[in-house]
């Protein structure tokens, strides 16, 4: 065991817990539903940008992506390309528009609330459907982050992975339970900085050592390693890899724990700042994660072929002193926790605000809803921990969920297919109605899950042959969800006048983005409603 690494990890955990305690003490007098779940819509642009990025880029970006490129070459970078295109489009198409529309829609603080109030509906069907999907998918998504923590602690210290999972789960529960949205965003902010620093410095140091003629393990560069076509030619294997990679970008339009950050930003001025920082951060993260995989193949040779997910860990251990290496490797824990905490809070807010408050106890106070949310955080964390346990060990009970990438892929696809089409249509199509939104969400989710189970899961026959379309399920799910939302909307009653009037008011506020009004430091719900008289 490397004592320096252990000290670095303990220090990191202490800082994260300290943030939870700080925001708990700071906000205990006025902590209510809106503050706990959305930070009171007072989040600065820089913090919101790095929080959105860090909650997006889980341990996959430090373990899965470099490992895939190390093992199979540049044909694996299409996921990075898809994610980069997706995040740029989301910051321009979704972020400013959703923030404004959510304020007009009775100051909605969750995605299910926004979708319901956008249609001026008194029905709770859509909120309940969304909340159920949230809870189910976030249990799987959270399991990926918990599993990554257990895997890392096992690699570093030889600890039982289940112990690492338990420690990570307990710490995440603690600071989310105490500090809510503010604690999550600020921990994500510092974790985002740590992730960026780690990915920037590690491959540069490795290249410097290579240039200094340090001993390099023997190894061979596979054929087509530097070819962007995974098979080296334009066949279905290459095309499906490209389509799948680009398909990952669709997830950004419907990822609740990411787009809720857009809603939390306090002003249009901060939104512009957040957009620039968010896109720049994501670009650097994805580029440098790919560089780690390429440099890793040269620096480590073939030595990591049986443990490709530990490329970043091994490089950091080789190029840095023990304690500093421990700080750098902590970035993986940071990536895992920054994703898990955001997912837990989004799931708990969906249940507390959109199920408990609408269907169980309609007169619940803000503090009552907040405490229900805290309880749900604990429950979902424990379920996610259980799922991670089922996929761990030499003989996992659920082999299809035995890797971090498989868990992330399943959750990302489900959210993107279910909510992506409806979020986009709700912002840009006046004719979309309540029934169309419900149909789009359910259809997208069901098609995604069925495609994954029937056509993408690795079922094996007696000769151990896998059946797989190699086409990411988010693509058919997203298309099916969009078609269902459009068709059902056109076949059913047009939205009521008050719904279309709200859409027209929202469209009018969009014209402010290029005006002087967009430069005000504060842009509140009252500011939005004053647009007709130009009083801010």
Protein backbone atom coordinates (compact mmCIF):
# COMPACT_ATOMS: atom_id res chain seq x y z
CA UNK A 1 0.00 0.00 0.00
CA UNK A 2 1.25 3.47 -0.89
CA UNK A 3 0.76 5.60 2.22
CA UNK A 4 1.06 8.86 0.25
CA UNK A 5 -1.85 7.88 -1.99
CA UNK A 6 -3.94 6.90 1.02
CA UNK A 7 -3.28 10.25 2.69
CA UNK A 8 -4.25 12.07 -0.53
CA UNK A 9 -7.53 10.17 -0.72
CA UNK A 10 -8.38 10.80 2.93
CA UNK A 11 -7.67 14.52 2.41
CA UNK A 12 -9.92 14.57 -0.64
CA UNK A 13 -12.80 12.85 1.17
CA UNK A 14 -12.43 15.26 4.09
CA UNK A 15 -12.73 18.28 1.79
CA UNK A 16 -15.86 16.90 0.11
CA UNK A 17 -17.54 16.17 3.43
CA UNK A 18 -16.48 19.57 4.71
CA UNK A 19 -18.39 21.24 1.88
CA UNK A 20 -21.52 19.33 2.81
CA UNK A 21 -21.23 20.43 6.44
CA UNK A 22 -20.55 24.04 5.41
CA UNK A 23 -23.67 24.35 3.23
CA UNK A 24 -25.78 22.53 5.82
CA UNK A 25 -24.80 25.05 8.53
CA UNK A 26 -25.04 28.01 6.16
CA UNK A 27 -28.48 27.14 4.83
CA UNK A 28 -30.23 25.42 7.74
CA UNK A 29 -32.33 28.51 8.56
CA UNK A 30 -33.72 29.12 5.07
CA UNK A 31 -33.22 25.73 3.39
CA UNK A 32 -36.44 24.83 1.61
CA UNK A 33 -37.55 22.93 -1.49
CA UNK A 34 -36.29 25.43 -4.07
CA UNK A 35 -33.02 26.00 -2.24
CA UNK A 36 -32.32 22.29 -1.62
CA UNK A 37 -33.14 21.15 -5.17
CA UNK A 38 -32.11 24.19 -7.26
CA UNK A 39 -29.93 26.46 -5.12
CA UNK A 40 -32.60 29.18 -5.28
CA UNK A 41 -31.75 29.89 -8.96
CA UNK A 42 -28.70 31.84 -7.78
CA UNK A 43 -25.91 29.81 -9.31
CA UNK A 44 -23.04 31.74 -10.93
CA UNK A 45 -22.01 30.98 -14.49
CA UNK A 46 -18.57 29.53 -13.73
CA UNK A 47 -19.80 27.17 -11.01
CA UNK A 48 -22.82 26.09 -13.06
CA UNK A 49 -20.66 25.38 -16.12
CA UNK A 50 -18.12 23.21 -14.32
CA UNK A 51 -20.87 21.54 -12.30
CA UNK A 52 -22.75 20.65 -15.51
CA UNK A 53 -19.55 19.30 -17.04
CA UNK A 54 -18.41 17.37 -13.99
CA UNK A 55 -21.85 15.83 -13.45
CA UNK A 56 -21.75 14.75 -17.11
CA UNK A 57 -18.24 13.28 -17.31
CA UNK A 58 -18.23 10.34 -14.94
CA UNK A 59 -15.34 7.96 -14.32
CA UNK A 60 -15.89 6.78 -17.89
CA UNK A 61 -13.89 9.75 -19.20
CA UNK A 62 -10.85 8.82 -17.08
CA UNK A 63 -11.13 5.05 -17.24
CA UNK A 64 -13.39 3.85 -20.08
CA UNK A 65 -12.44 6.23 -22.92
CA UNK A 66 -8.62 6.14 -22.49
CA UNK A 67 -8.81 2.37 -22.10
CA UNK A 68 -10.86 1.91 -25.27
CA UNK A 69 -8.46 4.04 -27.31
CA UNK A 70 -5.42 2.32 -25.77
CA UNK A 71 -6.86 -1.07 -26.71
CA UNK A 72 -8.50 -0.43 -30.10
CA UNK A 73 -7.20 2.90 -31.39
CA UNK A 74 -8.62 6.13 -32.80
CA UNK A 75 -11.75 4.46 -34.11
CA UNK A 76 -13.09 4.79 -30.56
CA UNK A 77 -13.00 8.60 -30.47
CA UNK A 78 -16.42 8.94 -32.13
CA UNK A 79 -18.09 8.98 -28.72
CA UNK A 80 -15.99 12.03 -27.86
CA UNK A 81 -16.99 13.67 -31.14
CA UNK A 82 -20.66 12.95 -30.49
CA UNK A 83 -20.50 14.24 -26.93
CA UNK A 84 -18.73 17.43 -27.99
CA UNK A 85 -21.29 18.18 -30.70
CA UNK A 86 -24.10 17.37 -28.27
CA UNK A 87 -22.84 19.61 -25.49
CA UNK A 88 -22.33 22.57 -27.87
CA UNK A 89 -25.86 22.23 -29.26
CA UNK A 90 -27.33 21.84 -25.77
CA UNK A 91 -25.67 25.02 -24.50
CA UNK A 92 -27.05 27.00 -27.46
CA UNK A 93 -30.43 25.37 -28.10
CA UNK A 94 -31.55 24.17 -24.69
CA UNK A 95 -29.78 26.09 -21.92
CA UNK A 96 -31.00 29.70 -22.37
CA UNK A 97 -34.42 28.71 -23.69
CA UNK A 98 -35.19 26.16 -20.98
CA UNK A 99 -34.11 28.58 -18.26
CA UNK A 100 -36.50 31.29 -19.49
CA UNK A 101 -39.40 28.94 -20.23
CA UNK A 102 -39.12 27.21 -16.84
CA UNK A 103 -39.45 30.57 -15.08
CA UNK A 104 -42.49 31.47 -17.17
CA UNK A 105 -43.98 28.05 -16.42
CA UNK A 106 -44.74 28.95 -12.79
CA UNK A 107 -41.06 28.98 -11.80
CA UNK A 108 -40.64 25.23 -12.34
CA UNK A 109 -37.67 23.72 -10.51
CA UNK A 110 -37.65 20.19 -11.97
CA UNK A 111 -37.96 18.84 -15.51
CA UNK A 112 -41.27 17.03 -14.81
CA UNK A 113 -42.66 20.25 -13.29
CA UNK A 114 -41.62 22.24 -16.34
CA UNK A 115 -43.17 19.77 -18.77
CA UNK A 116 -46.45 19.74 -16.82
CA UNK A 117 -46.75 23.49 -16.24
CA UNK A 118 -45.70 24.31 -19.78
CA UNK A 119 -49.02 22.74 -20.84
CA UNK A 120 -50.99 24.31 -17.95
CA UNK A 121 -52.15 20.83 -17.01
CA UNK A 122 -53.71 19.84 -13.70
CA UNK A 123 -52.98 16.17 -14.38
CA UNK A 124 -50.09 14.55 -12.53
CA UNK A 125 -49.67 11.72 -15.06
CA UNK A 126 -46.64 13.23 -16.78
CA UNK A 127 -44.93 14.08 -13.50
CA UNK A 128 -45.45 10.58 -12.15
CA UNK A 129 -44.24 8.94 -15.39
CA UNK A 130 -41.12 11.13 -15.37
CA UNK A 131 -40.44 10.47 -11.70
CA UNK A 132 -40.71 6.70 -12.16
CA UNK A 133 -38.25 6.80 -15.08
CA UNK A 134 -35.93 9.04 -13.05
CA UNK A 135 -35.81 6.71 -10.08
CA UNK A 136 -35.33 3.55 -12.16
CA UNK A 137 -32.64 4.94 -14.46
CA UNK A 138 -30.76 6.87 -11.79
CA UNK A 139 -30.43 3.72 -9.72
CA UNK A 140 -28.58 2.17 -12.67
CA UNK A 141 -26.61 5.34 -13.40
CA UNK A 142 -25.61 5.79 -9.77
CA UNK A 143 -24.45 2.18 -9.70
CA UNK A 144 -21.86 2.98 -12.39
CA UNK A 145 -20.26 5.69 -10.25
CA UNK A 146 -20.30 3.56 -7.12
CA UNK A 147 -18.82 0.64 -9.05
CA UNK A 148 -16.01 2.88 -10.37
CA UNK A 149 -15.09 3.94 -6.83
CA UNK A 150 -14.91 0.33 -5.69
CA UNK A 151 -12.83 -0.68 -8.69
CA UNK A 152 -10.37 2.18 -8.13
CA UNK A 153 -9.84 1.51 -4.43
CA UNK A 154 -9.32 -2.17 -5.23
CA UNK A 155 -6.70 -1.30 -7.88
CA UNK A 156 -4.84 1.14 -5.64
CA UNK A 157 -4.96 -0.47 -2.23
CA UNK A 158 -6.07 -4.04 -2.86
CA UNK A 159 -9.23 -3.37 -0.86
CA UNK A 160 -12.35 -5.41 -1.41
CA UNK A 161 -14.31 -3.55 -4.15
CA UNK A 162 -17.45 -3.87 -2.04
CA UNK A 163 -15.76 -1.95 0.75
CA UNK A 164 -14.80 0.83 -1.66
CA UNK A 165 -18.38 0.97 -2.93
CA UNK A 166 -19.71 1.22 0.63
CA UNK A 167 -17.30 4.05 1.53
CA UNK A 168 -18.14 6.03 -1.61
CA UNK A 169 -21.89 5.54 -1.09
CA UNK A 170 -21.71 6.73 2.52
CA UNK A 171 -19.74 9.88 1.63
CA UNK A 172 -22.00 10.81 -1.29
CA UNK A 173 -25.11 10.37 0.86
CA UNK A 174 -23.60 12.50 3.61
CA UNK A 175 -22.81 15.66 1.64
CA UNK A 176 -25.89 15.50 -0.64
CA UNK A 177 -28.13 14.91 2.41
CA UNK A 178 -26.66 17.88 4.26
CA UNK A 179 -25.94 20.49 1.60
CA UNK A 180 -28.35 19.81 -1.24
CA UNK A 181 -27.90 21.52 -4.61
CA UNK A 182 -25.36 24.09 -3.41
CA UNK A 183 -23.09 21.43 -1.93
CA UNK A 184 -23.43 19.31 -5.07
CA UNK A 185 -22.60 22.19 -7.43
CA UNK A 186 -19.63 23.49 -5.42
CA UNK A 187 -18.13 20.03 -4.95
CA UNK A 188 -18.67 19.44 -8.67
CA UNK A 189 -16.91 22.75 -9.37
CA UNK A 190 -13.74 21.73 -7.51
CA UNK A 191 -13.96 18.17 -8.83
CA UNK A 192 -14.22 19.56 -12.37
CA UNK A 193 -11.04 21.58 -11.85
CA UNK A 194 -9.27 18.51 -10.47
CA UNK A 195 -10.36 16.36 -13.43
CA UNK A 196 -9.14 18.95 -15.91
CA UNK A 197 -5.78 19.42 -14.19
CA UNK A 198 -5.23 15.66 -13.99
CA UNK A 199 -5.97 15.08 -17.68
CA UNK A 200 -3.88 18.06 -18.79
CA UNK A 201 -0.78 17.23 -16.77
CA UNK A 202 -0.52 13.42 -16.86
CA UNK A 203 -0.03 12.79 -20.62
CA UNK A 204 2.30 15.82 -20.91
CA UNK A 205 4.52 14.39 -18.18
CA UNK A 206 4.48 10.97 -19.85
CA UNK A 207 5.53 12.46 -23.20
CA UNK A 208 8.32 14.39 -21.47
CA UNK A 209 9.61 11.15 -19.94
CA UNK A 210 9.42 9.41 -23.31
CA UNK A 211 11.49 12.24 -24.77
CA UNK A 212 14.03 11.77 -21.99
CA UNK A 213 14.59 8.18 -23.24
CA UNK A 214 13.11 6.56 -20.15
CA UNK A 215 12.71 2.79 -20.43
CA UNK A 216 9.57 1.94 -22.42
CA UNK A 217 7.80 -1.45 -22.12
CA UNK A 218 7.91 -3.56 -25.25
CA UNK A 219 4.74 -3.35 -27.26
CA UNK A 220 3.23 -3.24 -30.70
CA UNK A 221 0.84 -0.71 -32.18
CA UNK A 222 -2.16 -2.61 -33.57
CA UNK A 223 -3.06 -2.36 -37.24
CA UNK A 224 -5.40 0.59 -37.95
CA UNK A 225 -4.62 2.05 -34.49
CA UNK A 226 -4.51 5.58 -35.93
CA UNK A 227 -7.43 5.02 -38.32
CA UNK A 228 -10.74 6.73 -37.48
CA UNK A 229 -12.54 3.77 -39.07
CA UNK A 230 -12.51 1.08 -36.38
CA UNK A 231 -12.16 -1.81 -38.85
CA UNK A 232 -9.86 0.09 -41.19
CA UNK A 233 -12.51 0.20 -43.94
CA UNK A 234 -15.99 1.58 -44.50
CA UNK A 235 -18.06 -1.46 -43.47
CA UNK A 236 -20.96 -1.87 -41.00
CA UNK A 237 -18.56 -2.24 -38.08
CA UNK A 238 -17.08 1.20 -38.81
CA UNK A 239 -20.41 2.84 -39.72
CA UNK A 240 -22.17 1.52 -36.60
CA UNK A 241 -19.26 2.73 -34.47
CA UNK A 242 -19.56 6.23 -35.96
CA UNK A 243 -23.37 6.32 -35.63
CA UNK A 244 -23.19 5.03 -32.07
CA UNK A 245 -20.55 7.61 -31.13
CA UNK A 246 -22.50 10.49 -32.63
CA UNK A 247 -25.68 9.12 -31.02
CA UNK A 248 -24.19 9.76 -27.58
CA UNK A 249 -24.55 13.47 -28.27
CA UNK A 250 -28.36 13.13 -28.30
CA UNK A 251 -28.27 12.38 -24.59
CA UNK A 252 -27.52 16.00 -23.69
CA UNK A 253 -31.01 17.15 -24.73
CA UNK A 254 -32.68 14.93 -22.15
CA UNK A 255 -30.20 14.39 -19.32
CA UNK A 256 -32.04 15.76 -16.23
CA UNK A 257 -29.04 16.17 -13.93
CA UNK A 258 -27.25 18.22 -16.61
CA UNK A 259 -30.05 20.42 -17.94
CA UNK A 260 -31.21 21.25 -14.41
CA UNK A 261 -27.93 23.22 -14.16
CA UNK A 262 -29.14 25.43 -16.97
CA UNK A 263 -32.27 26.27 -14.99
CA UNK A 264 -30.25 27.17 -11.88
CA UNK A 265 -28.15 29.93 -13.54
CA UNK A 266 -29.09 33.31 -12.09
CA UNK A 267 -28.99 35.60 -15.18
CA UNK A 268 -28.63 35.73 -18.94
CA UNK A 269 -25.27 37.42 -18.49
CA UNK A 270 -24.10 34.47 -16.40
CA UNK A 271 -25.60 32.09 -18.98
CA UNK A 272 -23.32 33.43 -21.70
CA UNK A 273 -20.30 33.08 -19.42
CA UNK A 274 -21.38 29.60 -18.41
CA UNK A 275 -21.81 28.54 -22.04
CA UNK A 276 -18.28 29.56 -23.02
CA UNK A 277 -16.68 27.92 -19.99
CA UNK A 278 -18.79 24.78 -20.25
CA UNK A 279 -17.97 24.17 -23.91
CA UNK A 280 -14.26 24.91 -23.39
CA UNK A 281 -14.05 22.59 -20.36
CA UNK A 282 -15.79 19.71 -22.14
CA UNK A 283 -13.59 20.15 -25.22
CA UNK A 284 -10.40 19.99 -23.20
CA UNK A 285 -11.61 17.01 -21.14
CA UNK A 286 -12.58 14.93 -24.17
CA UNK A 287 -9.45 15.79 -26.17
CA UNK A 288 -7.08 15.09 -23.30
CA UNK A 289 -8.84 11.84 -22.33
CA UNK A 290 -8.24 10.66 -25.91
CA UNK A 291 -4.62 11.80 -25.71
CA UNK A 292 -4.18 9.71 -22.53
CA UNK A 293 -5.20 6.61 -24.47
CA UNK A 294 -2.82 7.31 -27.35
CA UNK A 295 0.14 8.29 -25.15
CA UNK A 296 -0.62 5.38 -22.84
CA UNK A 297 -0.10 2.89 -25.65
CA UNK A 298 3.36 4.32 -26.31
CA UNK A 299 4.30 4.79 -22.67
CA UNK A 300 2.97 1.52 -21.22
CA UNK A 301 3.29 -0.72 -24.27
CA UNK A 302 1.15 -3.88 -24.11
CA UNK A 303 1.40 -4.16 -20.32
CA UNK A 304 -2.19 -3.00 -19.68
CA UNK A 305 -4.08 -5.02 -22.28
CA UNK A 306 -5.76 -7.12 -19.57
CA UNK A 307 -6.54 -4.10 -17.39
CA UNK A 308 -7.18 -1.34 -19.91
CA UNK A 309 -9.47 0.70 -17.62
CA UNK A 310 -6.48 1.45 -15.37
CA UNK A 311 -4.41 3.24 -18.04
CA UNK A 312 -4.76 6.65 -16.41
CA UNK A 313 -4.05 5.24 -12.93
CA UNK A 314 -0.89 3.47 -14.08
CA UNK A 315 0.42 6.50 -15.96
CA UNK A 316 -0.16 8.80 -12.98
CA UNK A 317 1.61 6.37 -10.67
CA UNK A 318 4.58 6.21 -13.02
CA UNK A 319 5.11 9.91 -13.71
CA UNK A 320 4.36 11.54 -10.33
CA UNK A 321 5.66 11.21 -6.75
CA UNK A 322 3.39 9.12 -4.54
CA UNK A 323 1.42 11.88 -2.78
CA UNK A 324 1.01 14.01 -5.91
CA UNK A 325 0.05 10.91 -7.86
CA UNK A 326 -2.62 10.24 -5.24
CA UNK A 327 -4.05 13.73 -5.76
CA UNK A 328 -4.10 13.21 -9.53
CA UNK A 329 -5.73 9.79 -9.23
CA UNK A 330 -8.35 11.33 -6.92
CA UNK A 331 -9.74 12.86 -10.12
CA UNK A 332 -11.32 9.47 -10.86
CA UNK A 333 -13.13 9.51 -7.54
CA UNK A 334 -14.07 13.13 -8.31
CA UNK A 335 -15.53 12.10 -11.67
CA UNK A 336 -17.54 9.32 -10.08
CA UNK A 337 -18.87 11.36 -7.17
CA UNK A 338 -19.67 14.47 -9.22
CA UNK A 339 -21.91 12.36 -11.43
CA UNK A 340 -23.49 10.30 -8.66
CA UNK A 341 -24.38 13.27 -6.43
CA UNK A 342 -26.14 15.09 -9.28
CA UNK A 343 -28.09 11.99 -10.22
CA UNK A 344 -29.21 11.38 -6.65
CA UNK A 345 -30.42 14.95 -6.23
CA UNK A 346 -32.29 14.92 -9.56
CA UNK A 347 -34.01 11.64 -8.70
CA UNK A 348 -34.94 12.75 -5.18
CA UNK A 349 -36.30 16.08 -6.44
CA UNK A 350 -38.41 14.26 -9.04
CA UNK A 351 -40.00 12.03 -6.40
CA UNK A 352 -40.38 14.64 -3.65
CA UNK A 353 -41.62 17.52 -5.80
CA UNK A 354 -43.40 15.62 -8.57
CA UNK A 355 -44.91 12.60 -6.81
CA UNK A 356 -45.06 13.25 -3.08
CA UNK A 357 -46.20 16.89 -3.36
CA UNK A 358 -48.64 16.30 -6.24
CA UNK A 359 -50.15 12.91 -5.41
CA UNK A 360 -49.42 11.96 -1.79
CA UNK A 361 -49.48 15.16 0.29
CA UNK A 362 -50.58 18.12 -1.80
CA UNK A 363 -50.36 20.62 1.07
CA UNK A 364 -46.83 19.61 2.06
CA UNK A 365 -44.59 22.47 3.17
CA UNK A 366 -41.26 23.27 1.52
CA UNK A 367 -39.32 21.83 4.45
CA UNK A 368 -41.46 18.70 4.43
CA UNK A 369 -40.72 18.16 0.72
CA UNK A 370 -37.01 18.80 1.35
CA UNK A 371 -36.87 16.10 4.04
CA UNK A 372 -38.70 13.63 1.82
CA UNK A 373 -36.06 14.38 -0.82
CA UNK A 374 -33.31 13.65 1.70
CA UNK A 375 -34.87 10.30 2.56
CA UNK A 376 -35.16 9.43 -1.15
CA UNK A 377 -31.44 10.24 -1.56
CA UNK A 378 -30.65 7.52 0.99
CA UNK A 379 -33.04 4.98 -0.55
CA UNK A 380 -31.81 5.45 -4.13
CA UNK A 381 -28.19 5.37 -3.00
CA UNK A 382 -28.73 2.03 -1.32
CA UNK A 383 -30.52 0.59 -4.36
CA UNK A 384 -27.70 1.83 -6.63
CA UNK A 385 -25.20 0.24 -4.24
CA UNK A 386 -27.11 -3.04 -4.52
CA UNK A 387 -27.04 -2.92 -8.34
CA UNK A 388 -23.30 -2.22 -8.28
CA UNK A 389 -22.85 -5.24 -6.00
CA UNK A 390 -24.81 -7.48 -8.40
CA UNK A 391 -22.42 -6.58 -11.22
CA UNK A 392 -19.20 -6.91 -9.18
CA UNK A 393 -16.90 -9.83 -8.49
CA UNK A 394 -15.43 -12.58 -10.62
CA UNK A 395 -18.86 -14.11 -11.25
CA UNK A 396 -21.34 -11.21 -11.32
CA UNK A 397 -25.02 -12.03 -10.92
CA UNK A 398 -25.85 -9.56 -13.71
CA UNK A 399 -23.03 -9.92 -16.31
CA UNK A 400 -24.55 -7.32 -18.65
CA UNK A 401 -24.00 -4.69 -15.93
CA UNK A 402 -20.55 -5.86 -14.89
CA UNK A 403 -18.67 -2.91 -16.42
CA UNK A 404 -18.80 0.82 -15.77
CA UNK A 405 -19.34 1.49 -19.46
CA UNK A 406 -22.35 -0.83 -19.74
CA UNK A 407 -24.09 0.87 -16.79
CA UNK A 408 -23.40 4.39 -18.08
CA UNK A 409 -24.45 3.45 -21.61
CA UNK A 410 -27.76 1.97 -20.46
CA UNK A 411 -28.71 4.98 -18.33
CA UNK A 412 -27.53 7.61 -20.82
CA UNK A 413 -29.51 6.00 -23.63
CA UNK A 414 -32.70 5.69 -21.57
CA UNK A 415 -32.70 9.35 -20.54
CA UNK A 416 -31.72 10.69 -23.94
CA UNK A 417 -34.40 8.70 -25.77
CA UNK A 418 -37.15 9.43 -23.24
CA UNK A 419 -36.69 13.15 -22.61
CA UNK A 420 -34.50 14.52 -25.42
CA UNK A 421 -37.14 14.73 -28.19
CA UNK A 422 -39.82 16.14 -25.89
CA UNK A 423 -37.53 18.80 -24.37
CA UNK A 424 -36.54 20.02 -27.84
CA UNK A 425 -40.10 19.98 -29.15
CA UNK A 426 -41.38 21.78 -26.05
CA UNK A 427 -38.95 24.64 -26.73
CA UNK A 428 -39.41 24.98 -30.49
CA UNK A 429 -42.82 23.57 -31.51
CA UNK A 430 -45.96 25.51 -30.57
CA UNK A 431 -48.31 22.64 -31.55
CA UNK A 432 -46.90 20.11 -29.07
CA UNK A 433 -49.57 19.15 -26.53
CA UNK A 434 -49.68 17.33 -23.20
CA UNK A 435 -50.69 13.96 -24.66
CA UNK A 436 -47.95 14.19 -27.27
CA UNK A 437 -45.36 14.86 -24.56
CA UNK A 438 -46.49 11.86 -22.51
CA UNK A 439 -46.52 9.62 -25.60
CA UNK A 440 -43.05 10.79 -26.64
CA UNK A 441 -41.50 10.12 -23.23
CA UNK A 442 -43.02 6.67 -22.81
CA UNK A 443 -42.32 5.58 -26.41
CA UNK A 444 -38.73 6.77 -26.38
CA UNK A 445 -38.04 5.04 -23.08
CA UNK A 446 -39.74 1.75 -24.04
CA UNK A 447 -38.11 1.52 -27.49
CA UNK A 448 -34.68 2.25 -25.98
CA UNK A 449 -35.06 -0.43 -23.31
CA UNK A 450 -36.46 -3.05 -25.73
CA UNK A 451 -33.69 -2.38 -28.26
CA UNK A 452 -31.08 -2.74 -25.53
CA UNK A 453 -32.56 -5.98 -24.15
CA UNK A 454 -33.50 -7.68 -27.42
CA UNK A 455 -30.83 -6.45 -29.80
CA UNK A 456 -27.85 -5.15 -27.83
CA UNK A 457 -27.55 -7.31 -24.72
CA UNK A 458 -24.93 -10.02 -25.02
CA UNK A 459 -27.10 -13.10 -24.90
CA UNK A 460 -25.13 -16.30 -25.52
CA UNK A 461 -26.16 -19.63 -27.01
CA UNK A 462 -24.47 -22.96 -26.39
CA UNK A 463 -21.56 -22.04 -28.67
CA UNK A 464 -20.92 -18.72 -26.87
CA UNK A 465 -21.76 -16.51 -29.87
CA UNK A 466 -22.97 -13.01 -28.99
CA UNK A 467 -25.87 -11.37 -30.84
CA UNK A 468 -25.52 -7.61 -31.05
CA UNK A 469 -26.62 -4.98 -33.58
CA UNK A 470 -23.68 -2.76 -32.54
CA UNK A 471 -26.06 0.22 -32.88
CA UNK A 472 -26.57 2.26 -29.71
CA UNK A 473 -30.20 2.04 -28.56
CA UNK A 474 -30.48 5.80 -28.02
CA UNK A 475 -30.75 6.28 -31.81
CA UNK A 476 -33.91 4.24 -32.46
CA UNK A 477 -35.33 5.33 -29.10
CA UNK A 478 -34.82 9.05 -29.82
CA UNK A 479 -36.35 8.79 -33.30
CA UNK A 480 -39.33 6.76 -32.03
CA UNK A 481 -39.93 9.22 -29.18
CA UNK A 482 -39.90 12.21 -31.55
CA UNK A 483 -42.27 10.52 -34.01
CA UNK A 484 -44.67 9.51 -31.23
CA UNK A 485 -44.76 13.03 -29.75
CA UNK A 486 -45.42 14.64 -33.16
CA UNK A 487 -48.00 12.12 -34.37
CA UNK A 488 -50.02 12.05 -31.12
CA UNK A 489 -49.98 15.86 -30.90
CA UNK A 490 -51.29 16.16 -34.47
CA UNK A 491 -53.97 13.53 -33.93
CA UNK A 492 -55.30 15.03 -30.72
CA UNK A 493 -56.72 18.38 -29.67
CA UNK A 494 -54.62 21.49 -30.19
CA UNK A 495 -53.16 23.11 -27.05
CA UNK A 496 -55.48 25.53 -25.23
CA UNK A 497 -55.10 29.25 -25.87
CA UNK A 498 -53.41 29.87 -22.52
CA UNK A 499 -50.77 27.28 -23.47
CA UNK A 500 -50.07 28.88 -26.84
CA UNK A 501 -50.12 32.33 -25.22
CA UNK A 502 -47.43 31.14 -22.81
CA UNK A 503 -45.38 29.84 -25.73
CA UNK A 504 -45.74 33.19 -27.51
CA UNK A 505 -44.61 35.06 -24.39
CA UNK A 506 -41.61 32.75 -24.12
CA UNK A 507 -40.73 33.38 -27.77
CA UNK A 508 -40.92 37.11 -27.13
CA UNK A 509 -38.46 36.87 -24.23
CA UNK A 510 -35.98 35.15 -26.56
CA UNK A 511 -35.56 38.45 -28.41
CA UNK A 512 -34.01 39.88 -25.23
CA UNK A 513 -30.92 37.74 -25.61
CA UNK A 514 -29.32 40.20 -28.02
CA UNK A 515 -30.60 43.30 -26.21
CA UNK A 516 -29.24 45.34 -23.33
CA UNK A 517 -31.70 43.68 -20.98
CA UNK A 518 -29.76 40.42 -21.28
CA UNK A 519 -26.77 42.03 -19.61
CA UNK A 520 -28.45 42.59 -16.26
CA UNK A 521 -26.91 40.69 -13.36
CA UNK A 522 -30.26 39.35 -12.16
CA UNK A 523 -32.97 37.95 -14.37
CA UNK A 524 -35.76 36.68 -12.14
CA UNK A 525 -39.27 35.36 -12.66
CA UNK A 526 -40.59 38.93 -12.24
CA UNK A 527 -38.14 40.14 -14.88
CA UNK A 528 -39.52 37.62 -17.35
CA UNK A 529 -43.11 38.69 -16.77
CA UNK A 530 -42.18 42.36 -17.21
CA UNK A 531 -40.96 41.83 -20.76
CA UNK A 532 -44.12 43.25 -22.31
CA UNK A 533 -43.59 46.61 -20.60
CA UNK A 534 -39.80 46.43 -20.91
CA UNK A 535 -39.39 46.93 -17.18
CA UNK A 536 -36.56 44.98 -15.58
